[in-house]
Amino acid sequence: MNPPSAESAPAPETAPLRVAIVGTGNIARFHAQALLAEPERAVLVAAVDVDPDALDAFRVRHSIPRGYAGLESMLTAERPDLVHVCTPPGLHRAQVEACLGAGASVLVEKPPALSLAEAEKMAAAEGGDRGPWMATVFQHRFGSGALRVRALMDSGALGRPLVATCHTTWFRPQDYFDLPWRGRWKTEGGGPTLGHGIHQTDLLLALLGEWTEVSAVVRRQARDIETEDVSVARVDFANGAVASVVTSLLSPQEESRIRIDFERATVELTHLYGYGDDDWRLTPAPGFEDEVTAAWEAGEHGVSSGHHAQVVQVLDAVRAGTPPPVTSQDALSSLRLVAAVYASSFEGRPVAPADLGPGSPFHDRMNGGRSL
């Protein structure tokens, strides 16, 4: 669960990876920009989209030499080393498995799958110790602020984590859901708990580790959709910490926030869609001001939480022949917490990880086949 160092290791002395992007919507531009910023590590050789106009515009904007209407034809013609999958969630499993089957590693946008069952099948399609591998975009793990907190936790400088809050309070109007795949269990897998707040909950898990129990409610308060538009959860962790996790698309004052109260300090992150060092705040407990502040100032600095930080790590790992972060097992951990939020709400009881195995309806579908 620990993030890698923010200081990128020197790239191995190998040729740049041949990389393709599937899906040319808004999120794909962050992938293209990150790849184009690393010409010694990657060459962006192709893009894939079923919309020819969108594909052409994307290729021109990012100087991509070739475009394809279908994934299979691109894989056959280009034989890429790595494919970035930037399509809607309902397409991820088939596309990731096709790439892995063709020998290409994958970096897939969140959420990687619509269910735990899908994510497990995708993980099973990986090539083992020698690859190819699947990684999921959870870029908040890679900013230097998160790395600094993790390092201080590991060193004992902060003491035990006690209480945490993790809030993704965003706003999406009704017309946001006009796209036919949004707000539907079958094509999006869930509402904001899966599709929006998962970045924050993933970072919380990367910092606090294994969770043991969840009690939650999910509700549809205001939007005309199938899924929830808000969820509220209490999460217990194996290290004794307890957290409140709130995810909303109904909040005009938008904010992403994590706060963890340790024995020796409060660490707080407040941002919207990405953070830098200035978005973190440390408040030492009385008697620990000098010790904790010195450790905080000596830690990692200078890396924001954008796609670029993770993409560099993925490229270096694939070039070195090692599994890229965030691994399929890391992603499964975050998806399992999301599934627990839904299961607890629909069943009206606390849920533990053992409750979400193959025999559970919430293993196959986030809503367990039920309706709000």
Protein backbone atom coordinates (compact mmCIF):
# COMPACT_ATOMS: atom_id res chain seq x y z
CA MET A 1 0.00 0.00 0.00
CA ASN A 2 2.93 2.35 0.43
CA PRO A 3 3.41 4.87 -2.42
CA PRO A 4 6.72 4.97 -4.26
CA SER A 5 9.23 7.75 -3.78
CA ALA A 6 8.38 11.08 -5.36
CA GLU A 7 11.95 11.22 -6.67
CA SER A 8 11.78 9.33 -9.96
CA ALA A 9 14.44 6.69 -10.30
CA PRO A 10 16.67 7.11 -13.36
CA ALA A 11 15.01 5.50 -16.35
CA PRO A 12 16.59 2.22 -17.42
CA GLU A 13 18.87 2.36 -20.47
CA THR A 14 16.27 0.97 -22.84
CA ALA A 15 14.32 2.34 -25.76
CA PRO A 16 11.24 4.45 -24.99
CA LEU A 17 8.03 2.50 -24.59
CA ARG A 18 5.54 2.47 -27.45
CA VAL A 19 2.34 3.80 -25.89
CA ALA A 20 -1.23 4.14 -27.17
CA ILE A 21 -4.29 5.89 -25.70
CA VAL A 22 -7.80 4.42 -25.95
CA GLY A 23 -10.57 6.98 -25.61
CA THR A 24 -9.98 10.65 -26.42
CA GLY A 25 -12.35 12.39 -24.01
CA ASN A 26 -11.42 15.07 -21.52
CA ILE A 27 -9.37 12.88 -19.17
CA ALA A 28 -7.22 11.55 -22.03
CA ARG A 29 -5.53 14.92 -22.50
CA PHE A 30 -3.86 14.60 -19.09
CA HIS A 31 -2.43 11.26 -20.17
CA ALA A 32 -1.19 12.64 -23.47
CA GLN A 33 0.43 15.65 -21.80
CA ALA A 34 2.19 13.43 -19.26
CA LEU A 35 3.50 11.09 -21.94
CA LEU A 36 4.66 13.88 -24.24
CA ALA A 37 6.59 15.39 -21.34
CA GLU A 38 8.72 12.21 -21.11
CA PRO A 39 10.16 11.59 -24.62
CA GLU A 40 13.05 9.53 -23.25
CA ARG A 41 10.61 7.18 -21.55
CA ALA A 42 7.69 6.99 -24.01
CA VAL A 43 6.63 7.55 -27.59
CA LEU A 44 2.91 8.12 -28.12
CA VAL A 45 2.30 6.12 -31.30
CA ALA A 46 -1.49 5.86 -31.63
CA ALA A 47 -4.91 6.80 -30.33
CA VAL A 48 -8.21 4.92 -30.54
CA ASP A 49 -11.76 6.30 -30.57
CA VAL A 50 -15.05 5.36 -32.22
CA ASP A 51 -15.75 9.06 -32.92
CA PRO A 52 -13.64 9.99 -35.96
CA ASP A 53 -13.91 13.74 -35.40
CA ALA A 54 -12.86 13.48 -31.76
CA LEU A 55 -10.04 11.15 -32.73
CA ASP A 56 -8.72 13.48 -35.44
CA ALA A 57 -8.85 16.52 -33.18
CA PHE A 58 -7.04 14.65 -30.40
CA ARG A 59 -4.33 13.43 -32.76
CA VAL A 60 -3.73 16.90 -34.15
CA ARG A 61 -3.64 18.49 -30.70
CA HIS A 62 -1.07 16.00 -29.41
CA SER A 63 0.84 15.18 -32.62
CA ILE A 64 -0.10 11.50 -32.55
CA PRO A 65 0.87 9.85 -35.86
CA ARG A 66 -1.87 7.22 -36.23
CA GLY A 67 -5.50 6.77 -35.25
CA TYR A 68 -7.78 3.74 -35.14
CA ALA A 69 -11.52 3.22 -34.80
CA GLY A 70 -11.04 -0.13 -33.05
CA LEU A 71 -8.82 -1.38 -30.26
CA GLU A 72 -8.07 -4.78 -31.81
CA SER A 73 -6.83 -3.27 -35.08
CA MET A 74 -4.56 -0.90 -33.16
CA LEU A 75 -3.11 -3.70 -31.04
CA THR A 76 -2.39 -5.79 -34.13
CA ALA A 77 -0.83 -2.97 -36.14
CA GLU A 78 1.09 -1.13 -33.42
CA ARG A 79 2.01 -3.82 -30.86
CA PRO A 80 2.31 -1.20 -28.08
CA ASP A 81 4.18 -1.87 -24.85
CA LEU A 82 1.66 0.10 -22.80
CA VAL A 83 -1.93 1.22 -23.36
CA HIS A 84 -3.69 3.99 -21.42
CA VAL A 85 -7.41 3.17 -21.19
CA CYS A 86 -9.43 6.39 -20.82
CA THR A 87 -12.92 5.17 -21.78
CA PRO A 88 -16.13 4.99 -19.69
CA PRO A 89 -16.01 2.40 -16.88
CA GLY A 90 -18.37 -0.05 -18.56
CA LEU A 91 -15.80 -0.64 -21.32
CA HIS A 92 -12.77 -1.14 -19.09
CA ARG A 93 -12.84 -4.88 -18.51
CA ALA A 94 -13.05 -5.96 -22.15
CA GLN A 95 -10.49 -3.39 -23.27
CA VAL A 96 -8.01 -4.15 -20.48
CA GLU A 97 -8.25 -7.87 -21.09
CA ALA A 98 -7.74 -7.36 -24.84
CA CYS A 99 -4.60 -5.32 -24.20
CA LEU A 100 -3.19 -7.83 -21.70
CA GLY A 101 -3.97 -10.66 -24.11
CA ALA A 102 -1.97 -8.87 -26.79
CA GLY A 103 1.02 -8.54 -24.46
CA ALA A 104 0.58 -4.85 -23.61
CA SER A 105 0.56 -3.55 -20.04
CA VAL A 106 -2.28 -1.20 -19.14
CA LEU A 107 -2.82 1.99 -17.16
CA VAL A 108 -6.59 2.27 -16.73
CA GLU A 109 -8.55 5.24 -15.45
CA LYS A 110 -10.61 4.99 -12.29
CA PRO A 111 -12.74 3.20 -11.48
CA PRO A 112 -10.95 0.27 -13.10
CA ALA A 113 -14.03 -1.95 -13.06
CA LEU A 114 -17.74 -1.97 -12.32
CA SER A 115 -17.46 -4.63 -9.62
CA LEU A 116 -15.08 -6.71 -7.53
CA ALA A 117 -15.76 -9.70 -9.77
CA GLU A 118 -14.74 -7.74 -12.88
CA ALA A 119 -11.60 -6.40 -11.20
CA GLU A 120 -10.57 -9.90 -10.11
CA LYS A 121 -10.99 -11.24 -13.64
CA MET A 122 -8.90 -8.37 -15.01
CA ALA A 123 -6.19 -9.12 -12.44
CA ALA A 124 -6.28 -12.81 -13.43
CA ALA A 125 -5.57 -11.80 -17.05
CA GLU A 126 -2.20 -10.30 -16.08
CA GLY A 127 0.93 -12.15 -17.11
CA GLY A 128 2.37 -12.90 -13.69
CA ASP A 129 5.87 -11.94 -12.62
CA ARG A 130 6.95 -11.05 -16.16
CA GLY A 131 3.86 -9.08 -17.13
CA PRO A 132 1.96 -7.66 -18.82
CA TRP A 133 0.36 -5.86 -15.88
CA MET A 134 -2.59 -3.63 -15.11
CA ALA A 135 -2.20 -0.41 -13.12
CA THR A 136 -4.99 1.98 -12.11
CA VAL A 137 -4.85 5.78 -12.10
CA PHE A 138 -4.89 6.85 -8.47
CA GLN A 139 -2.54 9.78 -8.85
CA HIS A 140 -3.15 11.30 -5.40
CA ARG A 141 -0.81 8.68 -3.93
CA PHE A 142 2.14 10.19 -5.78
CA GLY A 143 2.20 13.82 -4.68
CA SER A 144 5.03 14.68 -2.31
CA GLY A 145 2.58 15.68 0.45
CA ALA A 146 1.15 12.15 0.66
CA LEU A 147 4.63 10.65 0.49
CA ARG A 148 5.74 12.93 3.32
CA VAL A 149 2.82 11.87 5.54
CA ARG A 150 3.51 8.19 4.85
CA ALA A 151 7.20 8.61 5.66
CA LEU A 152 6.45 10.37 8.94
CA MET A 153 3.98 7.65 9.85
CA ASP A 154 6.52 4.94 9.12
CA SER A 155 9.16 6.71 11.20
CA GLY A 156 6.81 7.09 14.17
CA ALA A 157 7.13 10.89 14.15
CA LEU A 158 3.34 11.38 14.10
CA GLY A 159 2.40 8.65 16.56
CA ARG A 160 -0.68 6.50 16.07
CA PRO A 161 -3.50 7.64 13.75
CA LEU A 162 -6.66 8.14 15.79
CA VAL A 163 -9.44 9.95 13.91
CA ALA A 164 -9.85 10.85 10.23
CA THR A 165 -12.26 12.57 7.88
CA CYS A 166 -12.31 12.02 4.13
CA HIS A 167 -14.67 14.25 2.17
CA THR A 168 -15.29 14.53 -1.56
CA THR A 169 -18.00 17.18 -1.72
CA TRP A 170 -18.45 18.19 -5.34
CA PHE A 171 -21.28 19.56 -7.47
CA ARG A 172 -22.71 18.10 -10.67
CA PRO A 173 -25.95 19.54 -12.11
CA GLN A 174 -28.62 17.36 -13.65
CA ASP A 175 -27.36 17.91 -17.20
CA TYR A 176 -24.03 16.32 -16.23
CA PHE A 177 -25.90 13.02 -16.28
CA ASP A 178 -27.21 13.49 -19.83
CA LEU A 179 -24.54 11.15 -21.17
CA PRO A 180 -26.32 7.79 -21.44
CA TRP A 181 -23.77 5.88 -19.34
CA ARG A 182 -23.74 8.20 -16.33
CA GLY A 183 -25.77 7.62 -13.20
CA ARG A 184 -26.63 4.02 -14.14
CA TRP A 185 -25.62 0.87 -12.30
CA LYS A 186 -25.10 -1.16 -15.49
CA THR A 187 -22.73 1.23 -17.25
CA GLU A 188 -21.12 3.31 -14.47
CA GLY A 189 -21.21 0.71 -11.71
CA GLY A 190 -22.30 3.20 -9.08
CA GLY A 191 -22.63 6.86 -8.28
CA PRO A 192 -20.08 9.26 -6.77
CA THR A 193 -18.95 6.71 -4.17
CA LEU A 194 -17.39 4.70 -7.02
CA GLY A 195 -16.82 7.29 -9.70
CA HIS A 196 -15.74 10.43 -7.82
CA GLY A 197 -14.85 9.90 -4.18
CA ILE A 198 -12.72 6.87 -4.93
CA HIS A 199 -9.65 9.08 -5.44
CA GLN A 200 -9.90 10.39 -1.90
CA THR A 201 -10.78 7.04 -0.35
CA ASP A 202 -7.87 5.43 -2.17
CA LEU A 203 -5.49 8.01 -0.70
CA LEU A 204 -7.00 7.44 2.75
CA LEU A 205 -6.35 3.71 2.39
CA ALA A 206 -2.81 4.32 1.13
CA LEU A 207 -2.17 6.26 4.34
CA LEU A 208 -4.14 4.31 6.93
CA GLY A 209 -3.91 0.79 5.52
CA GLU A 210 -6.29 -2.14 5.98
CA TRP A 211 -9.90 -1.45 6.95
CA THR A 212 -11.92 -3.84 9.12
CA GLU A 213 -15.54 -2.64 9.15
CA VAL A 214 -17.84 -0.17 7.39
CA SER A 215 -21.25 1.21 8.34
CA ALA A 216 -22.79 3.43 5.68
CA VAL A 217 -25.80 4.95 3.98
CA VAL A 218 -26.16 5.84 0.30
CA ARG A 219 -29.01 8.00 -0.91
CA ARG A 220 -30.42 9.70 -3.97
CA GLN A 221 -31.25 13.13 -2.61
CA ALA A 222 -31.70 15.41 -5.61
CA ARG A 223 -30.62 14.03 -9.00
CA ASP A 224 -32.83 12.07 -11.41
CA ILE A 225 -30.52 9.05 -11.73
CA GLU A 226 -30.51 5.35 -10.80
CA THR A 227 -27.51 5.50 -8.49
CA GLU A 228 -26.87 7.49 -5.34
CA ASP A 229 -25.79 11.13 -5.38
CA VAL A 230 -24.45 11.08 -1.80
CA SER A 231 -22.98 8.58 0.64
CA VAL A 232 -21.86 8.76 4.27
CA ALA A 233 -19.72 6.04 5.90
CA ARG A 234 -17.90 5.19 9.10
CA VAL A 235 -14.75 3.17 8.44
CA ASP A 236 -12.77 1.30 11.10
CA PHE A 237 -9.10 0.47 10.42
CA ALA A 238 -6.90 -2.36 11.63
CA ASN A 239 -4.54 0.15 13.29
CA GLY A 240 -7.38 1.40 15.50
CA ALA A 241 -8.19 4.59 13.59
CA VAL A 242 -11.77 5.48 12.71
CA ALA A 243 -12.80 7.70 9.78
CA SER A 244 -15.89 9.40 8.43
CA VAL A 245 -16.07 9.28 4.64
CA VAL A 246 -18.54 11.56 2.83
CA THR A 247 -19.02 11.66 -0.93
CA SER A 248 -21.46 14.08 -2.57
CA LEU A 249 -22.28 15.55 -5.96
CA LEU A 250 -24.72 18.02 -4.36
CA SER A 251 -22.27 20.51 -2.81
CA PRO A 252 -22.06 23.97 -4.43
CA GLN A 253 -18.99 24.75 -2.32
CA GLU A 254 -16.76 22.08 -3.82
CA GLU A 255 -13.90 20.61 -1.84
CA SER A 256 -11.74 17.51 -1.49
CA ARG A 257 -10.45 17.08 2.04
CA ILE A 258 -8.58 14.58 4.16
CA ARG A 259 -7.76 15.22 7.80
CA ILE A 260 -6.01 12.74 10.08
CA ASP A 261 -5.55 13.37 13.79
CA PHE A 262 -2.47 11.53 15.04
CA GLU A 263 -1.21 11.38 18.61
CA ARG A 264 1.38 14.06 17.88
CA ALA A 265 -0.15 16.18 15.10
CA THR A 266 -3.09 16.86 12.83
CA VAL A 267 -2.35 16.54 9.12
CA GLU A 268 -4.86 18.13 6.76
CA LEU A 269 -5.18 18.27 2.96
CA THR A 270 -7.69 20.59 1.29
CA HIS A 271 -7.92 20.90 -2.51
CA LEU A 272 -10.36 20.16 -5.34
CA TYR A 273 -9.07 17.95 -8.18
CA GLY A 274 -5.37 17.87 -7.38
CA TYR A 275 -2.97 19.11 -4.75
CA GLY A 276 0.46 20.63 -4.30
CA ASP A 277 2.60 21.07 -1.21
CA ASP A 278 0.82 24.30 -0.24
CA ASP A 279 -2.49 22.43 0.10
CA TRP A 280 -1.22 20.50 3.14
CA ARG A 281 -1.24 21.81 6.71
CA LEU A 282 0.46 20.37 9.79
CA THR A 283 -0.64 21.25 13.35
CA PRO A 284 1.61 19.69 16.02
CA ALA A 285 0.20 18.65 19.37
CA PRO A 286 1.48 20.57 22.42
CA GLY A 287 4.94 19.40 23.34
CA PHE A 288 5.77 18.03 19.89
CA GLU A 289 6.10 21.28 17.93
CA ASP A 290 9.83 21.17 17.23
CA GLU A 291 10.15 17.44 16.59
CA VAL A 292 7.16 17.08 14.25
CA THR A 293 7.75 20.34 12.37
CA ALA A 294 11.38 19.46 11.68
CA ALA A 295 10.41 16.03 10.34
CA TRP A 296 7.68 17.57 8.17
CA GLU A 297 9.98 20.17 6.66
CA ALA A 298 12.70 17.59 5.95
CA GLY A 299 10.43 15.28 3.96
CA GLU A 300 9.54 15.02 0.26
CA HIS A 301 8.62 18.28 -1.51
CA GLY A 302 7.87 19.65 -4.94
CA VAL A 303 5.66 17.01 -6.61
CA SER A 304 1.97 17.70 -7.29
CA SER A 305 -0.64 14.96 -7.46
CA GLY A 306 -1.34 15.21 -11.19
CA HIS A 307 -1.22 12.36 -13.69
CA HIS A 308 2.40 13.07 -14.57
CA ALA A 309 3.76 11.90 -11.21
CA GLN A 310 2.16 8.48 -11.56
CA VAL A 311 2.77 8.12 -15.29
CA VAL A 312 6.52 8.54 -14.78
CA GLN A 313 6.47 5.78 -12.17
CA VAL A 314 4.46 3.50 -14.45
CA LEU A 315 6.78 4.06 -17.40
CA ASP A 316 9.89 3.36 -15.33
CA ALA A 317 8.39 0.20 -13.85
CA VAL A 318 7.31 -1.25 -17.20
CA ARG A 319 10.70 -0.42 -18.74
CA ALA A 320 12.40 -2.16 -15.81
CA GLY A 321 10.16 -5.23 -16.13
CA THR A 322 8.43 -4.78 -12.79
CA PRO A 323 4.73 -4.33 -11.88
CA PRO A 324 3.70 -0.67 -12.20
CA PRO A 325 1.88 1.21 -9.45
CA VAL A 326 -1.01 1.21 -8.55
CA THR A 327 -1.19 -2.60 -8.82
CA SER A 328 -4.34 -4.61 -9.47
CA GLN A 329 -4.34 -5.73 -5.83
CA ASP A 330 -4.08 -2.13 -4.60
CA ALA A 331 -7.03 -1.19 -6.79
CA LEU A 332 -9.03 -4.16 -5.51
CA SER A 333 -8.54 -2.91 -1.95
CA SER A 334 -10.06 0.45 -2.81
CA LEU A 335 -12.91 -1.13 -4.77
CA ARG A 336 -13.62 -3.43 -1.83
CA LEU A 337 -14.12 -0.42 0.45
CA VAL A 338 -16.53 1.10 -2.07
CA ALA A 339 -18.43 -2.20 -2.28
CA ALA A 340 -18.66 -2.24 1.51
CA VAL A 341 -20.27 1.20 1.53
CA TYR A 342 -22.98 -0.01 -0.85
CA ALA A 343 -23.43 -3.37 0.89
CA SER A 344 -23.75 -1.78 4.33
CA SER A 345 -26.36 0.68 3.14
CA PHE A 346 -28.49 -1.82 1.20
CA GLU A 347 -28.30 -4.46 3.95
CA GLY A 348 -28.59 -2.05 6.87
CA ARG A 349 -25.69 -3.51 8.84
CA PRO A 350 -21.92 -3.19 9.31
CA VAL A 351 -19.84 -4.96 6.64
CA ALA A 352 -16.38 -6.52 6.91
CA PRO A 353 -14.05 -7.49 4.04
CA ALA A 354 -14.95 -11.17 4.48
CA ASP A 355 -18.58 -10.32 3.68
CA LEU A 356 -17.70 -9.37 0.10
CA GLY A 357 -16.42 -12.63 -1.34
CA PRO A 358 -17.77 -14.46 -4.41
CA GLY A 359 -20.90 -15.56 -2.55
CA SER A 360 -22.00 -12.00 -1.91
CA PRO A 361 -24.31 -10.21 -4.37
CA PHE A 362 -22.15 -7.14 -3.83
CA HIS A 363 -19.16 -9.02 -5.24
CA ASP A 364 -20.80 -9.16 -8.68
CA ARG A 365 -22.52 -5.77 -8.63
CA MET A 366 -21.94 -2.75 -6.43
CA ASN A 367 -25.67 -2.44 -5.74
CA GLY A 368 -26.11 -6.18 -5.20
CA GLY A 369 -28.81 -6.13 -7.87
CA ARG A 370 -31.01 -3.83 -5.81
CA SER A 371 -32.56 -0.43 -6.46
CA LEU A 372 -32.50 2.73 -4.39
